[in-house]
Amino acid sequence: MPFVEINSRMVEATVAPGQKMFSQRGAMLAYKGDVTFTPNIQGGQGGIASMIGRRVAGEATPLMTVEGSGTVMFGHGGHHIQVINLAGDTLYVEADRLLAFDGTLQQGTMFMGSQGGVMGMVRGQVTGQGLFTTTLKGHGAVAVMAHGGVIELPITPGRAVHVDPQAYVAHHGDVRNKLSTALGWRDMVGRGSGEAFQLELSGSGAVYVQASEEKL
């Protein structure tokens, strides 16, 4: 279910009978046709396991199931929107950045500490995000939100990409991440900026970076 960009802060999706999509509650701006919006309690395509994962992660981003026949316009908080098309791979994204996504995508939850041990847990403390992140896998489209627009940076074998953790939005592909210090310990004392740390992503895929260090 492709999204059509209306402007940098609004997208439109076509809903067809027998198909469904999920959106963040409050993200619907307008719609045409016979479309229904119902609270989602099954945790998306991932079923009960996904729902339990979201509860453990302490996520406060409830979803709506969108069904019927028509077109729906989505946007939220005036945030910039980036549409990411998946072709069988997995997208890793913070739950509160999800605007809407295809119902065909398999939703899950991943423990960030498993990709970097203690450093993965430190990342959660530095960015103010939890130790868990949402995963979406399969073929379909995802609309994510960010501050100040988004740029896609390719990640290729042998050439890692370093990102300010507070500017990180999402990534996909066969990618590993770890948190490293950009400054010596003495230089870090008294600093509140995320620039004292770098999120290093290596492997093959892409990372999406916003033009801001603001949280949603």
Protein backbone atom coordinates (compact mmCIF):
# COMPACT_ATOMS: atom_id res chain seq x y z
CA MET A 1 0.00 0.00 0.00
CA PRO A 2 2.12 2.92 -1.23
CA PHE A 3 1.92 6.34 0.38
CA VAL A 4 1.54 9.43 -1.78
CA GLU A 5 3.35 12.50 -0.44
CA ILE A 6 1.04 15.52 -0.27
CA ASN A 7 3.75 17.70 1.24
CA SER A 8 6.65 17.16 3.63
CA ARG A 9 4.25 16.80 6.57
CA MET A 10 1.29 14.92 5.07
CA VAL A 11 0.87 11.63 3.20
CA GLU A 12 -2.13 9.92 1.64
CA ALA A 13 -2.81 6.19 1.51
CA THR A 14 -5.40 4.20 -0.44
CA VAL A 15 -7.33 1.61 1.55
CA ALA A 16 -8.90 -1.27 -0.39
CA PRO A 17 -11.41 -3.94 0.72
CA GLY A 18 -9.73 -6.97 2.27
CA GLN A 19 -6.61 -4.98 3.15
CA LYS A 20 -5.70 -3.18 6.35
CA MET A 21 -3.12 -0.79 7.65
CA PHE A 22 -2.10 0.50 11.04
CA SER A 23 -1.58 4.08 12.15
CA GLN A 24 -0.72 5.95 15.30
CA ARG A 25 -3.86 7.14 17.07
CA GLY A 26 -4.57 10.75 16.25
CA ALA A 27 -2.64 10.57 12.96
CA MET A 28 -5.71 10.63 10.70
CA LEU A 29 -6.22 14.14 9.29
CA ALA A 30 -9.00 13.48 6.78
CA TYR A 31 -10.44 10.68 4.69
CA LYS A 32 -12.74 10.00 1.75
CA GLY A 33 -14.86 6.91 1.25
CA ASP A 34 -16.09 4.16 3.55
CA VAL A 35 -13.19 3.80 5.98
CA THR A 36 -13.25 2.59 9.58
CA PHE A 37 -10.77 3.22 12.40
CA THR A 38 -10.70 0.86 15.39
CA PRO A 39 -8.31 0.57 18.37
CA ASN A 40 -5.79 -2.21 17.81
CA ILE A 41 -5.33 -4.64 20.73
CA GLN A 42 -3.63 -7.50 18.90
CA GLY A 43 -0.21 -5.87 18.58
CA GLY A 44 -0.35 -5.62 14.79
CA GLN A 45 0.61 -8.47 12.47
CA GLY A 46 2.82 -9.92 15.19
CA GLY A 47 -0.18 -11.00 17.29
CA ILE A 48 -0.04 -11.60 21.02
CA ALA A 49 3.75 -11.97 21.13
CA SER A 50 4.15 -8.53 19.61
CA MET A 51 1.60 -7.05 22.01
CA ILE A 52 3.46 -8.50 25.00
CA GLY A 53 6.73 -7.15 23.63
CA ARG A 54 5.24 -3.68 23.33
CA ARG A 55 3.96 -3.86 26.91
CA VAL A 56 7.38 -4.97 28.19
CA ALA A 57 8.98 -2.14 26.26
CA GLY A 58 6.69 0.29 28.05
CA GLU A 59 5.58 1.83 24.76
CA ALA A 60 2.86 4.44 24.95
CA THR A 61 2.10 4.55 21.22
CA PRO A 62 -1.31 2.90 20.71
CA LEU A 63 -2.27 1.93 17.18
CA MET A 64 -5.45 2.13 15.11
CA THR A 65 -6.50 -0.45 12.53
CA VAL A 66 -7.59 1.22 9.30
CA GLU A 67 -9.90 -0.74 6.96
CA GLY A 68 -12.49 -0.19 4.26
CA SER A 69 -12.46 1.49 0.88
CA GLY A 70 -11.19 5.01 0.32
CA THR A 71 -8.23 7.31 0.86
CA VAL A 72 -6.83 8.56 4.15
CA MET A 73 -4.52 11.50 4.84
CA PHE A 74 -2.05 11.12 7.69
CA GLY A 75 0.10 13.58 9.63
CA HIS A 76 0.93 14.25 13.26
CA GLY A 77 2.27 17.21 15.23
CA GLY A 78 3.55 18.96 12.12
CA HIS A 79 6.48 16.52 11.98
CA HIS A 80 8.28 15.81 8.73
CA ILE A 81 7.37 12.44 7.22
CA GLN A 82 9.66 9.97 5.50
CA VAL A 83 8.23 7.03 3.53
CA ILE A 84 10.36 3.87 3.61
CA ASN A 85 9.60 0.98 1.26
CA LEU A 86 10.61 -2.48 2.46
CA ALA A 87 11.33 -5.34 0.06
CA GLY A 88 11.51 -8.28 2.44
CA ASP A 89 13.97 -6.76 4.91
CA THR A 90 13.48 -5.50 8.45
CA LEU A 91 13.11 -1.90 9.60
CA TYR A 92 14.21 -0.97 13.13
CA VAL A 93 12.44 2.16 14.38
CA GLU A 94 11.34 3.71 17.67
CA ALA A 95 7.59 3.12 18.16
CA ASP A 96 6.74 6.79 18.72
CA ARG A 97 8.15 7.63 15.27
CA LEU A 98 5.69 5.37 13.45
CA LEU A 99 2.97 7.32 11.66
CA ALA A 100 1.39 4.52 9.59
CA PHE A 101 2.38 1.26 7.92
CA ASP A 102 1.07 -1.58 5.78
CA GLY A 103 -0.87 -4.29 7.57
CA THR A 104 1.08 -6.90 5.60
CA LEU A 105 4.24 -6.11 7.57
CA GLN A 106 5.19 -8.37 10.49
CA GLN A 107 5.54 -6.32 13.66
CA GLY A 108 7.83 -7.26 16.53
CA THR A 109 10.02 -5.93 19.32
CA MET A 110 13.80 -6.26 19.68
CA PHE A 111 15.92 -5.85 22.80
CA MET A 112 18.59 -3.30 21.86
CA GLY A 113 21.01 -4.68 24.44
CA SER A 114 21.46 -7.78 22.30
CA GLN A 115 23.22 -5.67 19.67
CA GLY A 116 26.06 -4.30 21.71
CA GLY A 117 25.64 -5.64 25.25
CA VAL A 118 26.14 -2.98 27.88
CA MET A 119 26.66 -0.30 25.22
CA GLY A 120 23.24 -1.06 23.81
CA MET A 121 21.75 -0.39 27.23
CA VAL A 122 23.77 2.82 27.58
CA ARG A 123 22.25 3.99 24.30
CA GLY A 124 18.80 3.76 25.86
CA GLN A 125 19.90 5.93 28.76
CA VAL A 126 21.62 8.55 26.59
CA THR A 127 18.82 9.00 24.06
CA GLY A 128 15.98 8.76 26.56
CA GLN A 129 14.59 5.85 24.52
CA GLY A 130 13.85 2.42 25.91
CA LEU A 131 16.00 -0.67 25.62
CA PHE A 132 13.52 -2.08 23.11
CA THR A 133 12.83 -0.95 19.58
CA THR A 134 10.04 -1.85 17.15
CA THR A 135 10.72 -4.00 14.09
CA LEU A 136 8.67 -4.17 10.88
CA LYS A 137 9.49 -6.93 8.40
CA GLY A 138 8.25 -7.90 4.95
CA HIS A 139 7.08 -6.17 1.79
CA GLY A 140 5.28 -2.87 2.24
CA ALA A 141 5.56 0.79 3.07
CA VAL A 142 6.18 2.60 6.36
CA ALA A 143 5.70 6.30 7.09
CA VAL A 144 7.93 7.56 9.92
CA MET A 145 8.14 10.96 11.59
CA ALA A 146 11.15 13.17 12.25
CA HIS A 147 12.21 16.74 13.02
CA GLY A 148 13.56 18.91 10.22
CA GLY A 149 13.49 16.34 7.46
CA VAL A 150 15.34 13.07 6.94
CA ILE A 151 18.33 11.92 4.90
CA GLU A 152 19.04 8.29 3.99
CA LEU A 153 22.67 7.25 4.41
CA PRO A 154 23.77 3.94 2.82
CA ILE A 155 25.75 1.51 4.98
CA THR A 156 28.19 -0.65 3.03
CA PRO A 157 30.55 -3.43 4.17
CA GLY A 158 33.84 -2.05 5.46
CA ARG A 159 32.52 1.52 5.77
CA ALA A 160 30.63 2.11 9.01
CA VAL A 161 28.40 5.14 9.47
CA HIS A 162 28.57 7.15 12.72
CA VAL A 163 25.43 8.97 13.83
CA ASP A 164 24.53 11.23 16.74
CA PRO A 165 22.16 8.97 18.74
CA GLN A 166 19.67 11.83 19.13
CA ALA A 167 19.52 12.34 15.35
CA TYR A 168 18.94 8.63 14.65
CA VAL A 169 15.48 7.80 13.27
CA ALA A 170 15.60 4.23 11.93
CA HIS A 171 17.67 1.72 9.99
CA HIS A 172 17.16 -1.38 7.88
CA GLY A 173 19.21 -4.17 6.36
CA ASP A 174 21.84 -6.50 7.79
CA VAL A 175 23.21 -3.91 10.20
CA ARG A 176 24.86 -4.07 13.61
CA ASN A 177 24.98 -1.09 15.93
CA LYS A 178 27.04 -0.15 18.94
CA LEU A 179 27.53 2.97 20.99
CA SER A 180 31.01 4.46 21.34
CA THR A 181 32.37 7.54 23.05
CA ALA A 182 33.46 10.36 20.79
CA LEU A 183 35.40 12.12 23.55
CA GLY A 184 37.61 11.14 26.43
CA TRP A 185 35.95 10.58 29.81
CA ARG A 186 37.29 13.85 31.23
CA ASP A 187 35.88 15.78 28.28
CA MET A 188 32.47 14.15 28.80
CA VAL A 189 32.06 15.33 32.40
CA GLY A 190 29.41 18.03 32.58
CA ARG A 191 28.30 17.58 28.99
CA GLY A 192 24.63 16.95 28.28
CA SER A 193 24.84 16.69 24.50
CA GLY A 194 24.50 13.36 22.74
CA GLU A 195 27.56 14.36 20.71
CA ALA A 196 29.71 12.87 23.49
CA PHE A 197 28.56 9.53 22.04
CA GLN A 198 28.34 8.12 18.56
CA LEU A 199 26.08 5.37 17.29
CA GLU A 200 28.18 3.23 14.93
CA LEU A 201 26.29 1.22 12.32
CA SER A 202 28.10 -1.34 10.18
CA GLY A 203 27.14 -4.01 7.67
CA SER A 204 24.88 -3.56 4.66
CA GLY A 205 21.74 -1.42 4.61
CA ALA A 206 20.77 2.17 5.31
CA VAL A 207 20.22 4.51 8.26
CA TYR A 208 17.79 7.43 8.38
CA VAL A 209 18.98 10.58 10.14
CA GLN A 210 16.93 13.65 11.02
CA ALA A 211 18.19 17.22 10.73
CA SER A 212 17.69 17.86 14.44
CA GLU A 213 18.55 16.50 17.88
CA GLU A 214 15.01 17.05 19.13
CA LYS A 215 12.94 14.14 20.38
CA LEU A 216 9.35 13.65 19.23
